[in-house]
Amino acid sequence: MPRSSRPNTRQRVELLADEAAQVELGVRLGRCLAYRGCVFLIGELGAGKTTLARGVLRGLGHLGAVKSPTYTLLEPYAIGEARVNHFDLYRLGDPEELEFIGARELFEGDALNLIEWPSRGAGWLPPADLVVELKVISSGREATLTAASEHGESALGRLARSSSEAE
């Protein structure tokens, strides 16, 4: 059976040597997501979930500060006409708390939702389009990006093409 020359658009692994490489992956990913979708960011404390989110926001044109929403649960960003919602559910006691902050409305319509610690919102969150798992390794970070929808698969395809064009 012949091998396809089409890049794998269901999963992609990237080795990231340092923080700058993490931000750069986020920049490229932000451009590929086209201001919409639901991205689950998974990894232990200190793995770089917020760093990656900062890169995504930079890739979409946000020039201001990007802080972790650990205590507020949510940092909303308006970039032109687009909306990006950055959630950090680490301190979430119960998924129903998302209802109290008006998150249901935030998931409706076209917006990009970046969600750190999505397991804490299980049963309440919409399904992911893309899951990014960050692992600390001896030489930096390993990012495994897995498409979970058609939109996620399209974004990974664009990411693969942008990576091969940069080489």
N, C-alpha and C. Protein backbone atom coordinates (compact mmCIF):
# COMPACT_ATOMS: atom_id res chain seq x y z
N MET A 1 0.85 -1.18 0.00
CA MET A 1 0.00 0.00 0.00
C MET A 1 0.89 1.24 0.00
N PRO A 2 0.66 2.19 -0.90
CA PRO A 2 1.51 3.39 -0.96
C PRO A 2 1.27 4.29 0.25
N ARG A 3 2.32 4.94 0.68
CA ARG A 3 2.22 5.88 1.80
C ARG A 3 1.74 7.22 1.26
N SER A 4 0.89 7.86 2.01
CA SER A 4 0.38 9.17 1.62
C SER A 4 1.45 10.23 1.88
N SER A 5 1.56 11.19 0.96
CA SER A 5 2.49 12.29 1.19
C SER A 5 1.80 13.42 1.97
N ARG A 6 0.51 13.23 2.23
CA ARG A 6 -0.25 14.23 2.99
C ARG A 6 0.22 14.22 4.45
N PRO A 7 0.48 15.39 5.03
CA PRO A 7 0.92 15.41 6.43
C PRO A 7 -0.17 14.90 7.35
N ASN A 8 0.22 14.33 8.48
CA ASN A 8 -0.75 13.86 9.47
C ASN A 8 -1.44 15.07 10.06
N THR A 9 -2.74 15.16 9.83
CA THR A 9 -3.48 16.31 10.34
C THR A 9 -4.28 15.94 11.58
N ARG A 10 -4.11 14.74 12.10
CA ARG A 10 -4.80 14.35 13.33
C ARG A 10 -3.92 14.58 14.55
N GLN A 11 -2.60 14.47 14.37
CA GLN A 11 -1.70 14.67 15.51
C GLN A 11 -0.35 15.17 15.02
N ARG A 12 0.24 16.01 15.84
CA ARG A 12 1.55 16.59 15.51
C ARG A 12 2.32 16.73 16.82
N VAL A 13 3.60 16.39 16.78
CA VAL A 13 4.47 16.55 17.95
C VAL A 13 5.54 17.57 17.60
N GLU A 14 5.74 18.52 18.50
CA GLU A 14 6.77 19.55 18.31
C GLU A 14 7.67 19.56 19.53
N LEU A 15 8.98 19.60 19.30
CA LEU A 15 9.95 19.74 20.39
C LEU A 15 10.31 21.21 20.50
N LEU A 16 10.20 21.73 21.69
CA LEU A 16 10.38 23.17 21.93
C LEU A 16 11.55 23.36 22.88
N ALA A 17 12.62 23.94 22.39
CA ALA A 17 13.86 24.05 23.15
C ALA A 17 13.77 25.03 24.31
N ASP A 18 12.95 26.09 24.15
CA ASP A 18 12.91 27.12 25.19
C ASP A 18 11.59 27.88 25.12
N GLU A 19 11.46 28.88 25.97
CA GLU A 19 10.23 29.66 26.04
C GLU A 19 9.93 30.35 24.71
N ALA A 20 10.97 30.85 24.04
CA ALA A 20 10.77 31.52 22.76
C ALA A 20 10.17 30.56 21.73
N ALA A 21 10.60 29.31 21.75
CA ALA A 21 10.05 28.31 20.83
C ALA A 21 8.59 28.01 21.16
N GLN A 22 8.25 28.02 22.45
CA GLN A 22 6.86 27.82 22.86
C GLN A 22 5.98 28.96 22.37
N VAL A 23 6.44 30.17 22.54
CA VAL A 23 5.68 31.34 22.09
C VAL A 23 5.53 31.28 20.57
N GLU A 24 6.60 30.93 19.86
CA GLU A 24 6.55 30.86 18.40
C GLU A 24 5.54 29.80 17.92
N LEU A 25 5.50 28.65 18.60
CA LEU A 25 4.48 27.65 18.26
C LEU A 25 3.09 28.24 18.46
N GLY A 26 2.90 28.95 19.56
CA GLY A 26 1.62 29.58 19.82
C GLY A 26 1.26 30.61 18.75
N VAL A 27 2.23 31.40 18.32
CA VAL A 27 2.00 32.39 17.26
C VAL A 27 1.49 31.69 16.00
N ARG A 28 2.21 30.64 15.58
CA ARG A 28 1.81 29.91 14.37
C ARG A 28 0.44 29.26 14.55
N LEU A 29 0.21 28.69 15.73
CA LEU A 29 -1.06 28.03 16.00
C LEU A 29 -2.21 29.04 15.99
N GLY A 30 -1.99 30.20 16.60
CA GLY A 30 -3.03 31.23 16.62
C GLY A 30 -3.46 31.60 15.22
N ARG A 31 -2.50 31.77 14.34
CA ARG A 31 -2.82 32.12 12.95
C ARG A 31 -3.60 31.00 12.27
N CYS A 32 -3.27 29.76 12.59
CA CYS A 32 -3.92 28.61 11.95
C CYS A 32 -5.34 28.37 12.48
N LEU A 33 -5.64 28.83 13.69
CA LEU A 33 -6.97 28.63 14.26
C LEU A 33 -8.00 29.62 13.74
N ALA A 34 -7.55 30.71 13.15
CA ALA A 34 -8.45 31.68 12.52
C ALA A 34 -9.51 32.21 13.49
N TYR A 35 -9.11 32.55 14.70
CA TYR A 35 -9.97 33.23 15.68
C TYR A 35 -11.17 32.42 16.16
N ARG A 36 -11.17 31.12 16.00
CA ARG A 36 -12.32 30.36 16.49
C ARG A 36 -11.91 28.95 16.91
N GLY A 37 -12.73 28.37 17.75
CA GLY A 37 -12.52 26.99 18.17
C GLY A 37 -12.34 26.90 19.67
N CYS A 38 -12.18 25.67 20.11
CA CYS A 38 -12.00 25.37 21.52
C CYS A 38 -10.72 24.54 21.65
N VAL A 39 -9.74 25.09 22.37
CA VAL A 39 -8.44 24.45 22.51
C VAL A 39 -8.22 24.11 23.97
N PHE A 40 -8.02 22.81 24.25
CA PHE A 40 -7.71 22.36 25.60
C PHE A 40 -6.20 22.36 25.75
N LEU A 41 -5.69 23.01 26.79
CA LEU A 41 -4.26 23.07 27.10
C LEU A 41 -4.01 22.21 28.34
N ILE A 42 -3.25 21.14 28.15
CA ILE A 42 -3.04 20.16 29.21
C ILE A 42 -1.55 20.07 29.53
N GLY A 43 -1.25 19.96 30.81
CA GLY A 43 0.13 19.81 31.25
C GLY A 43 0.25 20.12 32.72
N GLU A 44 1.31 19.62 33.32
CA GLU A 44 1.51 19.85 34.75
C GLU A 44 1.78 21.33 35.02
N LEU A 45 1.75 21.71 36.27
CA LEU A 45 2.09 23.08 36.65
C LEU A 45 3.49 23.41 36.11
N GLY A 46 3.61 24.55 35.48
CA GLY A 46 4.91 24.98 34.96
C GLY A 46 5.26 24.44 33.59
N ALA A 47 4.35 23.69 32.96
CA ALA A 47 4.66 23.12 31.65
C ALA A 47 4.63 24.17 30.54
N GLY A 48 3.97 25.29 30.77
CA GLY A 48 3.97 26.36 29.77
C GLY A 48 2.65 26.59 29.07
N LYS A 49 1.55 26.24 29.70
CA LYS A 49 0.24 26.43 29.08
C LYS A 49 -0.05 27.91 28.84
N THR A 50 0.22 28.75 29.83
CA THR A 50 -0.02 30.18 29.67
C THR A 50 0.96 30.78 28.67
N THR A 51 2.18 30.30 28.64
CA THR A 51 3.16 30.76 27.66
C THR A 51 2.67 30.49 26.24
N LEU A 52 2.15 29.29 26.03
CA LEU A 52 1.60 28.95 24.72
C LEU A 52 0.40 29.84 24.39
N ALA A 53 -0.48 30.06 25.37
CA ALA A 53 -1.63 30.94 25.16
C ALA A 53 -1.18 32.35 24.78
N ARG A 54 -0.12 32.83 25.42
CA ARG A 54 0.43 34.15 25.08
C ARG A 54 0.85 34.18 23.61
N GLY A 55 1.49 33.12 23.16
CA GLY A 55 1.89 33.04 21.75
C GLY A 55 0.69 33.04 20.81
N VAL A 56 -0.36 32.30 21.17
CA VAL A 56 -1.57 32.28 20.35
C VAL A 56 -2.13 33.69 20.22
N LEU A 57 -2.22 34.40 21.35
CA LEU A 57 -2.74 35.76 21.33
C LEU A 57 -1.85 36.69 20.50
N ARG A 58 -0.54 36.53 20.61
CA ARG A 58 0.38 37.34 19.79
C ARG A 58 0.16 37.05 18.30
N GLY A 59 -0.02 35.78 17.97
CA GLY A 59 -0.24 35.40 16.58
C GLY A 59 -1.52 35.98 16.00
N LEU A 60 -2.46 36.29 16.87
CA LEU A 60 -3.72 36.88 16.43
C LEU A 60 -3.69 38.40 16.46
N GLY A 61 -2.57 38.98 16.91
CA GLY A 61 -2.43 40.43 16.87
C GLY A 61 -2.54 41.14 18.20
N HIS A 62 -2.70 40.42 19.30
CA HIS A 62 -2.77 41.07 20.62
C HIS A 62 -1.37 41.52 21.03
N LEU A 63 -1.24 42.80 21.36
CA LEU A 63 0.06 43.36 21.70
C LEU A 63 0.23 43.63 23.19
N GLY A 64 -0.85 43.58 23.95
CA GLY A 64 -0.78 43.90 25.37
C GLY A 64 -0.29 42.73 26.21
N ALA A 65 -0.38 42.92 27.51
CA ALA A 65 0.05 41.88 28.45
C ALA A 65 -0.90 40.68 28.38
N VAL A 66 -0.37 39.53 28.68
CA VAL A 66 -1.15 38.30 28.78
C VAL A 66 -0.82 37.71 30.14
N LYS A 67 -1.82 37.68 31.02
CA LYS A 67 -1.58 37.13 32.34
C LYS A 67 -2.40 35.87 32.53
N SER A 68 -1.93 35.04 33.41
CA SER A 68 -2.63 33.81 33.71
C SER A 68 -3.92 34.12 34.45
N PRO A 69 -5.04 33.56 34.00
CA PRO A 69 -6.31 33.79 34.70
C PRO A 69 -6.54 32.80 35.85
N THR A 70 -5.47 32.43 36.54
CA THR A 70 -5.58 31.44 37.61
C THR A 70 -6.57 31.86 38.69
N TYR A 71 -6.57 33.12 39.07
CA TYR A 71 -7.45 33.56 40.15
C TYR A 71 -8.79 34.08 39.65
N THR A 72 -8.85 34.56 38.42
CA THR A 72 -10.09 35.10 37.88
C THR A 72 -10.86 34.06 37.06
N LEU A 73 -10.25 32.94 36.73
CA LEU A 73 -10.77 31.87 35.88
C LEU A 73 -10.83 32.25 34.41
N LEU A 74 -10.94 33.54 34.10
CA LEU A 74 -11.15 33.96 32.72
C LEU A 74 -10.51 35.32 32.45
N GLU A 75 -9.82 35.41 31.33
CA GLU A 75 -9.34 36.69 30.80
C GLU A 75 -9.87 36.78 29.38
N PRO A 76 -10.80 37.71 29.13
CA PRO A 76 -11.29 37.88 27.76
C PRO A 76 -10.44 38.90 27.00
N TYR A 77 -10.29 38.69 25.71
CA TYR A 77 -9.52 39.59 24.85
C TYR A 77 -10.37 39.91 23.62
N ALA A 78 -10.39 41.17 23.24
CA ALA A 78 -11.01 41.59 21.99
C ALA A 78 -9.88 42.01 21.06
N ILE A 79 -9.82 41.37 19.92
CA ILE A 79 -8.79 41.68 18.93
C ILE A 79 -9.54 42.06 17.65
N GLY A 80 -9.68 43.34 17.45
CA GLY A 80 -10.53 43.80 16.35
C GLY A 80 -11.96 43.35 16.63
N GLU A 81 -12.55 42.68 15.68
CA GLU A 81 -13.91 42.16 15.84
C GLU A 81 -13.91 40.78 16.52
N ALA A 82 -12.75 40.17 16.65
CA ALA A 82 -12.66 38.80 17.18
C ALA A 82 -12.60 38.79 18.70
N ARG A 83 -13.04 37.66 19.26
CA ARG A 83 -12.99 37.45 20.70
C ARG A 83 -12.15 36.22 21.00
N VAL A 84 -11.31 36.34 22.01
CA VAL A 84 -10.54 35.21 22.51
C VAL A 84 -10.76 35.15 24.01
N ASN A 85 -11.13 33.99 24.51
CA ASN A 85 -11.35 33.79 25.95
C ASN A 85 -10.30 32.81 26.45
N HIS A 86 -9.52 33.26 27.43
CA HIS A 86 -8.48 32.42 28.02
C HIS A 86 -8.94 32.01 29.41
N PHE A 87 -9.22 30.73 29.57
CA PHE A 87 -9.68 30.18 30.84
C PHE A 87 -8.54 29.43 31.52
N ASP A 88 -8.49 29.51 32.83
CA ASP A 88 -7.61 28.67 33.64
C ASP A 88 -8.49 28.10 34.74
N LEU A 89 -8.80 26.82 34.64
CA LEU A 89 -9.75 26.19 35.55
C LEU A 89 -9.09 25.50 36.73
N TYR A 90 -7.81 25.77 36.96
CA TYR A 90 -7.07 25.10 38.03
C TYR A 90 -7.77 25.24 39.39
N ARG A 91 -8.28 26.40 39.70
CA ARG A 91 -8.90 26.66 41.00
C ARG A 91 -10.41 26.45 41.00
N LEU A 92 -10.94 25.93 39.92
CA LEU A 92 -12.38 25.69 39.83
C LEU A 92 -12.79 24.59 40.81
N GLY A 93 -13.76 24.88 41.67
CA GLY A 93 -14.22 23.89 42.64
C GLY A 93 -15.22 22.92 42.06
N ASP A 94 -16.07 23.42 41.16
CA ASP A 94 -17.14 22.62 40.57
C ASP A 94 -17.38 23.16 39.17
N PRO A 95 -17.56 22.29 38.17
CA PRO A 95 -17.80 22.77 36.81
C PRO A 95 -18.98 23.73 36.70
N GLU A 96 -19.96 23.60 37.58
CA GLU A 96 -21.13 24.48 37.54
C GLU A 96 -20.77 25.94 37.81
N GLU A 97 -19.61 26.18 38.43
CA GLU A 97 -19.17 27.56 38.66
C GLU A 97 -19.02 28.32 37.34
N LEU A 98 -18.77 27.59 36.26
CA LEU A 98 -18.64 28.23 34.95
C LEU A 98 -19.95 28.91 34.54
N GLU A 99 -21.05 28.33 34.97
CA GLU A 99 -22.36 28.93 34.70
C GLU A 99 -22.48 30.30 35.36
N PHE A 100 -21.97 30.40 36.58
CA PHE A 100 -22.08 31.65 37.34
C PHE A 100 -21.26 32.79 36.75
N ILE A 101 -20.19 32.47 36.03
CA ILE A 101 -19.39 33.54 35.42
C ILE A 101 -19.85 33.84 33.98
N GLY A 102 -20.93 33.20 33.55
CA GLY A 102 -21.47 33.46 32.22
C GLY A 102 -20.71 32.80 31.09
N ALA A 103 -20.04 31.71 31.38
CA ALA A 103 -19.21 31.05 30.37
C ALA A 103 -20.03 30.45 29.22
N ARG A 104 -21.25 30.03 29.49
CA ARG A 104 -22.06 29.42 28.43
C ARG A 104 -22.17 30.36 27.22
N GLU A 105 -22.43 31.63 27.49
CA GLU A 105 -22.55 32.60 26.40
C GLU A 105 -21.22 32.79 25.67
N LEU A 106 -20.13 32.64 26.40
CA LEU A 106 -18.81 32.82 25.78
C LEU A 106 -18.50 31.71 24.78
N PHE A 107 -19.08 30.53 24.99
CA PHE A 107 -18.83 29.41 24.09
C PHE A 107 -19.75 29.44 22.87
N GLU A 108 -20.75 30.28 22.90
CA GLU A 108 -21.65 30.39 21.75
C GLU A 108 -21.06 31.35 20.74
N GLY A 109 -21.34 31.13 19.48
CA GLY A 109 -20.86 32.03 18.44
C GLY A 109 -19.40 31.77 18.10
N ASP A 110 -18.86 32.68 17.34
CA ASP A 110 -17.48 32.54 16.90
C ASP A 110 -16.54 33.22 17.88
N ALA A 111 -15.80 32.42 18.58
CA ALA A 111 -14.76 32.90 19.49
C ALA A 111 -13.72 31.80 19.58
N LEU A 112 -12.54 32.18 19.98
CA LEU A 112 -11.49 31.21 20.26
C LEU A 112 -11.42 31.08 21.77
N ASN A 113 -11.56 29.86 22.26
CA ASN A 113 -11.52 29.59 23.70
C ASN A 113 -10.31 28.72 24.00
N LEU A 114 -9.38 29.27 24.78
CA LEU A 114 -8.19 28.56 25.22
C LEU A 114 -8.44 28.15 26.66
N ILE A 115 -8.39 26.85 26.95
CA ILE A 115 -8.80 26.36 28.26
C ILE A 115 -7.69 25.55 28.91
N GLU A 116 -7.10 26.12 29.96
CA GLU A 116 -6.12 25.40 30.77
C GLU A 116 -6.87 24.57 31.81
N TRP A 117 -6.38 23.39 32.11
CA TRP A 117 -6.97 22.47 33.08
C TRP A 117 -8.42 22.12 32.71
N PRO A 118 -8.67 21.71 31.48
CA PRO A 118 -10.04 21.40 31.06
C PRO A 118 -10.68 20.25 31.84
N SER A 119 -9.88 19.37 32.42
CA SER A 119 -10.45 18.24 33.18
C SER A 119 -11.30 18.74 34.35
N ARG A 120 -11.01 19.94 34.85
CA ARG A 120 -11.78 20.50 35.98
C ARG A 120 -13.16 20.99 35.54
N GLY A 121 -13.36 21.12 34.24
CA GLY A 121 -14.66 21.54 33.72
C GLY A 121 -15.38 20.41 32.99
N ALA A 122 -14.90 19.17 33.22
CA ALA A 122 -15.47 18.01 32.53
C ALA A 122 -16.97 17.91 32.75
N GLY A 123 -17.68 17.59 31.68
CA GLY A 123 -19.12 17.46 31.74
C GLY A 123 -19.84 18.76 31.48
N TRP A 124 -19.13 19.86 31.52
CA TRP A 124 -19.74 21.16 31.31
C TRP A 124 -19.19 21.84 30.05
N LEU A 125 -17.91 21.65 29.79
CA LEU A 125 -17.25 22.31 28.66
C LEU A 125 -17.71 21.71 27.33
N PRO A 126 -17.68 22.53 26.28
CA PRO A 126 -17.95 21.96 24.95
C PRO A 126 -16.77 21.07 24.55
N PRO A 127 -16.95 20.24 23.55
CA PRO A 127 -15.82 19.40 23.12
C PRO A 127 -14.70 20.25 22.52
N ALA A 128 -13.50 19.74 22.62
CA ALA A 128 -12.34 20.44 22.08
C ALA A 128 -12.27 20.26 20.57
N ASP A 129 -11.73 21.28 19.91
CA ASP A 129 -11.35 21.15 18.51
C ASP A 129 -9.92 20.67 18.42
N LEU A 130 -9.13 21.09 19.40
CA LEU A 130 -7.72 20.76 19.42
C LEU A 130 -7.29 20.57 20.87
N VAL A 131 -6.50 19.55 21.12
CA VAL A 131 -5.94 19.30 22.45
C VAL A 131 -4.43 19.44 22.33
N VAL A 132 -3.87 20.30 23.18
CA VAL A 132 -2.42 20.49 23.20
C VAL A 132 -1.92 20.02 24.55
N GLU A 133 -1.10 18.98 24.53
CA GLU A 133 -0.52 18.47 25.77
C GLU A 133 0.95 18.85 25.81
N LEU A 134 1.33 19.54 26.87
CA LEU A 134 2.72 19.97 27.05
C LEU A 134 3.38 19.13 28.13
N LYS A 135 4.57 18.63 27.81
CA LYS A 135 5.35 17.84 28.78
C LYS A 135 6.72 18.47 28.92
N VAL A 136 7.19 18.53 30.16
CA VAL A 136 8.55 18.99 30.43
C VAL A 136 9.48 17.83 30.12
N ILE A 137 10.47 18.09 29.27
CA ILE A 137 11.49 17.09 28.95
C ILE A 137 12.86 17.72 29.22
N SER A 138 13.90 16.92 29.20
CA SER A 138 15.23 17.43 29.57
C SER A 138 15.70 18.56 28.67
N SER A 139 15.26 18.58 27.43
CA SER A 139 15.72 19.61 26.50
C SER A 139 14.68 20.71 26.25
N GLY A 140 13.70 20.84 27.13
CA GLY A 140 12.69 21.90 26.98
C GLY A 140 11.29 21.36 27.20
N ARG A 141 10.48 21.42 26.15
CA ARG A 141 9.09 20.96 26.22
C ARG A 141 8.78 20.12 24.99
N GLU A 142 7.85 19.21 25.16
CA GLU A 142 7.30 18.46 24.05
C GLU A 142 5.82 18.80 23.97
N ALA A 143 5.37 19.26 22.82
CA ALA A 143 3.96 19.60 22.62
C ALA A 143 3.35 18.59 21.67
N THR A 144 2.32 17.90 22.14
CA THR A 144 1.57 16.98 21.29
C THR A 144 0.23 17.64 21.01
N LEU A 145 -0.02 17.92 19.75
CA LEU A 145 -1.25 18.57 19.32
C LEU A 145 -2.12 17.52 18.64
N THR A 146 -3.33 17.36 19.13
CA THR A 146 -4.24 16.35 18.59
C THR A 146 -5.54 17.00 18.17
N ALA A 147 -5.90 16.80 16.91
CA ALA A 147 -7.17 17.32 16.39
C ALA A 147 -8.31 16.47 16.92
N ALA A 148 -9.38 17.14 17.34
CA ALA A 148 -10.55 16.43 17.86
C ALA A 148 -11.81 16.81 17.08
N SER A 149 -11.63 17.58 16.00
CA SER A 149 -12.76 17.97 15.16
C SER A 149 -12.22 18.31 13.77
N GLU A 150 -13.13 18.58 12.86
CA GLU A 150 -12.73 19.00 11.52
C GLU A 150 -11.95 20.31 11.56
N HIS A 151 -12.42 21.25 12.38
CA HIS A 151 -11.72 22.54 12.51
C HIS A 151 -10.31 22.32 13.06
N GLY A 152 -10.18 21.45 14.06
CA GLY A 152 -8.86 21.15 14.61
C GLY A 152 -7.95 20.49 13.59
N GLU A 153 -8.52 19.61 12.78
CA GLU A 153 -7.74 18.94 11.74
C GLU A 153 -7.28 19.95 10.69
N SER A 154 -8.15 20.88 10.32
CA SER A 154 -7.77 21.92 9.35
C SER A 154 -6.65 22.80 9.91
N ALA A 155 -6.78 23.15 11.19
CA ALA A 155 -5.75 23.99 11.82
C ALA A 155 -4.41 23.26 11.85
N LEU A 156 -4.41 21.97 12.17
CA LEU A 156 -3.15 21.22 12.19
C LEU A 156 -2.56 21.09 10.79
N GLY A 157 -3.42 20.95 9.79
CA GLY A 157 -2.94 20.90 8.41
C GLY A 157 -2.26 22.21 8.02
N ARG A 158 -2.87 23.34 8.40
CA ARG A 158 -2.27 24.64 8.12
C ARG A 158 -0.95 24.80 8.89
N LEU A 159 -0.92 24.29 10.13
CA LEU A 159 0.30 24.38 10.93
C LEU A 159 1.42 23.58 10.28
N ALA A 160 1.11 22.39 9.79
CA ALA A 160 2.13 21.55 9.13
C ALA A 160 2.65 22.25 7.88
N ARG A 161 1.76 22.85 7.10
CA ARG A 161 2.19 23.56 5.89
C ARG A 161 3.03 24.77 6.24
N SER A 162 2.65 25.51 7.31
CA SER A 162 3.43 26.69 7.68
C SER A 162 4.81 26.29 8.20
N SER A 163 4.91 25.13 8.85
CA SER A 163 6.20 24.66 9.34
C SER A 163 7.10 24.24 8.18
N SER A 164 6.55 23.56 7.18
CA SER A 164 7.37 23.11 6.07
C SER A 164 7.80 24.28 5.18
N GLU A 165 6.97 25.34 5.10
CA GLU A 165 7.35 26.54 4.34
C GLU A 165 8.47 27.29 5.03
N ALA A 166 8.51 27.23 6.36
CA ALA A 166 9.54 27.95 7.13
C ALA A 166 10.90 27.27 7.03
N GLU A 167 10.89 25.99 6.69
CA GLU A 167 12.17 25.23 6.64
C GLU A 167 12.97 25.54 5.41
